[in-house]
Amino acid sequence: MPEWKKNMASVWSISYSLDAEADLNDIYDYIADVTNESLIATKFIRRLRLIIEKLSYLPHRYPLYLSCGGAPNEYR
């Protein structure tokens, strides 16, 4: 577990919209196709998900995303 994570309690939950999941799949497919190497794509998506996970600890370090169709939660 990263050191920053040990010192902070998670108060925000992370969830992915269907569009976001589809985007991650498309990104994976693109990288795997262009590089002809699925391991590179897998590593990239893992790193991206780890960065996204940091939102549960420090959500205000990223801007608020306003165009979520009137969703009741904040999206970053």
N, C-alpha and C. Protein backbone atom coordinates (compact mmCIF):
# COMPACT_ATOMS: atom_id res chain seq x y z
N MET A 1 0.84 -1.18 0.00
CA MET A 1 0.00 0.00 0.00
C MET A 1 0.89 1.25 0.00
N PRO A 2 0.59 2.21 -0.87
CA PRO A 2 1.39 3.43 -0.92
C PRO A 2 1.34 4.18 0.41
N GLU A 3 2.41 4.88 0.73
CA GLU A 3 2.51 5.61 2.00
C GLU A 3 1.39 6.64 2.17
N TRP A 4 1.06 7.36 1.08
CA TRP A 4 0.01 8.38 1.19
C TRP A 4 -1.32 7.76 1.57
N LYS A 5 -1.55 6.53 1.18
CA LYS A 5 -2.81 5.86 1.45
C LYS A 5 -2.91 5.43 2.92
N LYS A 6 -1.79 5.08 3.53
CA LYS A 6 -1.79 4.64 4.91
C LYS A 6 -2.19 5.76 5.86
N ASN A 7 -1.91 6.99 5.49
CA ASN A 7 -2.13 8.12 6.37
C ASN A 7 -3.46 8.82 6.18
N MET A 8 -4.30 8.33 5.30
CA MET A 8 -5.55 9.01 5.00
C MET A 8 -6.71 8.04 5.00
N ALA A 9 -7.80 8.46 5.55
CA ALA A 9 -9.01 7.64 5.53
C ALA A 9 -9.82 7.99 4.28
N SER A 10 -10.28 6.98 3.60
CA SER A 10 -11.09 7.21 2.40
C SER A 10 -12.50 7.62 2.80
N VAL A 11 -12.94 8.75 2.28
CA VAL A 11 -14.29 9.21 2.58
C VAL A 11 -15.13 9.33 1.31
N TRP A 12 -14.54 9.17 0.18
CA TRP A 12 -15.24 9.29 -1.10
C TRP A 12 -15.20 7.94 -1.80
N SER A 13 -16.26 7.61 -2.47
CA SER A 13 -16.26 6.36 -3.22
C SER A 13 -16.04 6.65 -4.71
N ILE A 14 -15.42 5.72 -5.36
CA ILE A 14 -15.14 5.84 -6.79
C ILE A 14 -16.07 4.88 -7.53
N SER A 15 -16.74 5.40 -8.51
CA SER A 15 -17.55 4.55 -9.38
C SER A 15 -17.35 5.05 -10.81
N TYR A 16 -17.48 4.13 -11.73
CA TYR A 16 -17.28 4.43 -13.15
C TYR A 16 -18.63 4.38 -13.86
N SER A 17 -18.89 5.38 -14.66
CA SER A 17 -20.09 5.33 -15.50
C SER A 17 -19.87 4.29 -16.59
N LEU A 18 -20.94 3.87 -17.22
CA LEU A 18 -20.81 2.91 -18.32
C LEU A 18 -19.96 3.49 -19.45
N ASP A 19 -20.12 4.78 -19.70
CA ASP A 19 -19.31 5.44 -20.73
C ASP A 19 -17.83 5.43 -20.36
N ALA A 20 -17.53 5.66 -19.08
CA ALA A 20 -16.14 5.66 -18.65
C ALA A 20 -15.52 4.27 -18.79
N GLU A 21 -16.26 3.25 -18.41
CA GLU A 21 -15.76 1.88 -18.57
C GLU A 21 -15.52 1.56 -20.04
N ALA A 22 -16.45 2.00 -20.89
CA ALA A 22 -16.29 1.78 -22.33
C ALA A 22 -15.07 2.52 -22.85
N ASP A 23 -14.85 3.74 -22.36
CA ASP A 23 -13.67 4.51 -22.76
C ASP A 23 -12.38 3.79 -22.37
N LEU A 24 -12.34 3.25 -21.15
CA LEU A 24 -11.15 2.52 -20.71
C LEU A 24 -10.91 1.29 -21.58
N ASN A 25 -11.97 0.61 -21.93
CA ASN A 25 -11.83 -0.55 -22.83
C ASN A 25 -11.33 -0.13 -24.20
N ASP A 26 -11.85 0.99 -24.70
CA ASP A 26 -11.39 1.49 -26.01
C ASP A 26 -9.92 1.90 -25.96
N ILE A 27 -9.52 2.54 -24.86
CA ILE A 27 -8.12 2.94 -24.70
C ILE A 27 -7.23 1.71 -24.68
N TYR A 28 -7.65 0.69 -23.93
CA TYR A 28 -6.89 -0.56 -23.88
C TYR A 28 -6.75 -1.16 -25.29
N ASP A 29 -7.88 -1.26 -25.99
CA ASP A 29 -7.86 -1.84 -27.33
C ASP A 29 -6.95 -1.07 -28.28
N TYR A 30 -7.00 0.27 -28.19
CA TYR A 30 -6.18 1.10 -29.06
C TYR A 30 -4.69 0.87 -28.79
N ILE A 31 -4.31 0.92 -27.51
CA ILE A 31 -2.90 0.74 -27.16
C ILE A 31 -2.42 -0.66 -27.56
N ALA A 32 -3.23 -1.66 -27.28
CA ALA A 32 -2.86 -3.04 -27.62
C ALA A 32 -2.71 -3.19 -29.14
N ASP A 33 -3.57 -2.52 -29.90
CA ASP A 33 -3.52 -2.61 -31.36
C ASP A 33 -2.31 -1.88 -31.92
N VAL A 34 -2.08 -0.65 -31.45
CA VAL A 34 -0.99 0.17 -31.98
C VAL A 34 0.37 -0.41 -31.62
N THR A 35 0.50 -0.89 -30.38
CA THR A 35 1.80 -1.41 -29.94
C THR A 35 1.97 -2.89 -30.23
N ASN A 36 0.85 -3.55 -30.56
CA ASN A 36 0.85 -4.99 -30.77
C ASN A 36 1.35 -5.73 -29.52
N GLU A 37 1.02 -5.15 -28.37
CA GLU A 37 1.50 -5.69 -27.09
C GLU A 37 0.45 -5.45 -26.02
N SER A 38 -0.28 -6.48 -25.64
CA SER A 38 -1.35 -6.33 -24.66
C SER A 38 -0.82 -6.01 -23.27
N LEU A 39 0.41 -6.41 -22.96
CA LEU A 39 0.98 -6.12 -21.64
C LEU A 39 1.15 -4.62 -21.43
N ILE A 40 1.55 -3.90 -22.46
CA ILE A 40 1.69 -2.44 -22.37
C ILE A 40 0.32 -1.82 -22.10
N ALA A 41 -0.68 -2.27 -22.79
CA ALA A 41 -2.04 -1.75 -22.58
C ALA A 41 -2.53 -2.06 -21.18
N THR A 42 -2.28 -3.26 -20.69
CA THR A 42 -2.70 -3.66 -19.35
C THR A 42 -2.03 -2.79 -18.30
N LYS A 43 -0.73 -2.57 -18.43
CA LYS A 43 0.00 -1.75 -17.47
C LYS A 43 -0.51 -0.31 -17.49
N PHE A 44 -0.80 0.22 -18.67
CA PHE A 44 -1.29 1.59 -18.76
C PHE A 44 -2.63 1.74 -18.06
N ILE A 45 -3.55 0.82 -18.32
CA ILE A 45 -4.88 0.89 -17.71
C ILE A 45 -4.79 0.72 -16.20
N ARG A 46 -3.92 -0.15 -15.73
CA ARG A 46 -3.73 -0.31 -14.28
C ARG A 46 -3.24 0.99 -13.65
N ARG A 47 -2.26 1.63 -14.29
CA ARG A 47 -1.74 2.90 -13.77
C ARG A 47 -2.82 3.98 -13.79
N LEU A 48 -3.59 4.02 -14.83
CA LEU A 48 -4.67 4.99 -14.94
C LEU A 48 -5.71 4.77 -13.83
N ARG A 49 -6.07 3.52 -13.58
CA ARG A 49 -7.03 3.22 -12.51
C ARG A 49 -6.47 3.58 -11.13
N LEU A 50 -5.17 3.40 -10.92
CA LEU A 50 -4.57 3.81 -9.65
C LEU A 50 -4.64 5.32 -9.46
N ILE A 51 -4.42 6.06 -10.53
CA ILE A 51 -4.54 7.51 -10.46
C ILE A 51 -5.98 7.90 -10.15
N ILE A 52 -6.92 7.26 -10.81
CA ILE A 52 -8.34 7.54 -10.57
C ILE A 52 -8.70 7.21 -9.12
N GLU A 53 -8.15 6.13 -8.59
CA GLU A 53 -8.43 5.72 -7.22
C GLU A 53 -8.02 6.79 -6.20
N LYS A 54 -7.01 7.57 -6.53
CA LYS A 54 -6.56 8.63 -5.62
C LYS A 54 -7.64 9.66 -5.37
N LEU A 55 -8.62 9.72 -6.24
CA LEU A 55 -9.73 10.65 -6.03
C LEU A 55 -10.49 10.35 -4.74
N SER A 56 -10.46 9.10 -4.28
CA SER A 56 -11.18 8.76 -3.06
C SER A 56 -10.49 9.37 -1.83
N TYR A 57 -9.25 9.78 -1.96
CA TYR A 57 -8.51 10.36 -0.85
C TYR A 57 -8.32 11.86 -0.99
N LEU A 58 -8.14 12.32 -2.19
CA LEU A 58 -7.89 13.75 -2.43
C LEU A 58 -8.72 14.23 -3.61
N PRO A 59 -10.04 14.21 -3.50
CA PRO A 59 -10.88 14.52 -4.66
C PRO A 59 -10.78 15.97 -5.14
N HIS A 60 -10.44 16.89 -4.27
CA HIS A 60 -10.43 18.30 -4.67
C HIS A 60 -9.17 18.72 -5.40
N ARG A 61 -8.26 17.76 -5.60
CA ARG A 61 -7.07 18.08 -6.38
C ARG A 61 -7.39 18.08 -7.88
N TYR A 62 -8.57 17.61 -8.25
CA TYR A 62 -8.98 17.56 -9.65
C TYR A 62 -10.23 18.41 -9.83
N PRO A 63 -10.43 18.98 -11.01
CA PRO A 63 -11.59 19.83 -11.23
C PRO A 63 -12.90 19.03 -11.26
N LEU A 64 -13.97 19.70 -10.91
CA LEU A 64 -15.30 19.11 -10.94
C LEU A 64 -15.78 19.02 -12.38
N TYR A 65 -16.34 17.89 -12.75
CA TYR A 65 -16.87 17.66 -14.10
C TYR A 65 -18.36 17.93 -14.05
N LEU A 66 -18.83 18.94 -14.76
CA LEU A 66 -20.21 19.39 -14.62
C LEU A 66 -21.20 18.75 -15.58
N SER A 67 -20.78 18.17 -16.66
CA SER A 67 -21.74 17.68 -17.66
C SER A 67 -22.05 16.19 -17.46
N CYS A 68 -22.69 15.88 -16.34
CA CYS A 68 -23.04 14.48 -16.05
C CYS A 68 -24.55 14.26 -16.09
N GLY A 69 -25.25 15.06 -16.84
CA GLY A 69 -26.68 14.86 -17.03
C GLY A 69 -27.51 15.00 -15.76
N GLY A 70 -27.17 15.94 -14.90
CA GLY A 70 -27.95 16.16 -13.70
C GLY A 70 -27.79 15.08 -12.65
N ALA A 71 -26.70 14.38 -12.66
CA ALA A 71 -26.46 13.33 -11.66
C ALA A 71 -26.39 13.94 -10.27
N PRO A 72 -26.89 13.22 -9.25
CA PRO A 72 -26.95 13.79 -7.90
C PRO A 72 -25.60 13.87 -7.20
N ASN A 73 -24.57 13.24 -7.71
CA ASN A 73 -23.26 13.23 -7.08
C ASN A 73 -22.30 14.12 -7.83
N GLU A 74 -21.18 14.44 -7.17
CA GLU A 74 -20.12 15.17 -7.84
C GLU A 74 -19.26 14.19 -8.63
N TYR A 75 -18.82 14.61 -9.80
CA TYR A 75 -17.96 13.77 -10.64
C TYR A 75 -16.69 14.52 -10.96
N ARG A 76 -15.58 13.85 -10.82
CA ARG A 76 -14.28 14.46 -11.10
C ARG A 76 -13.52 13.58 -12.05
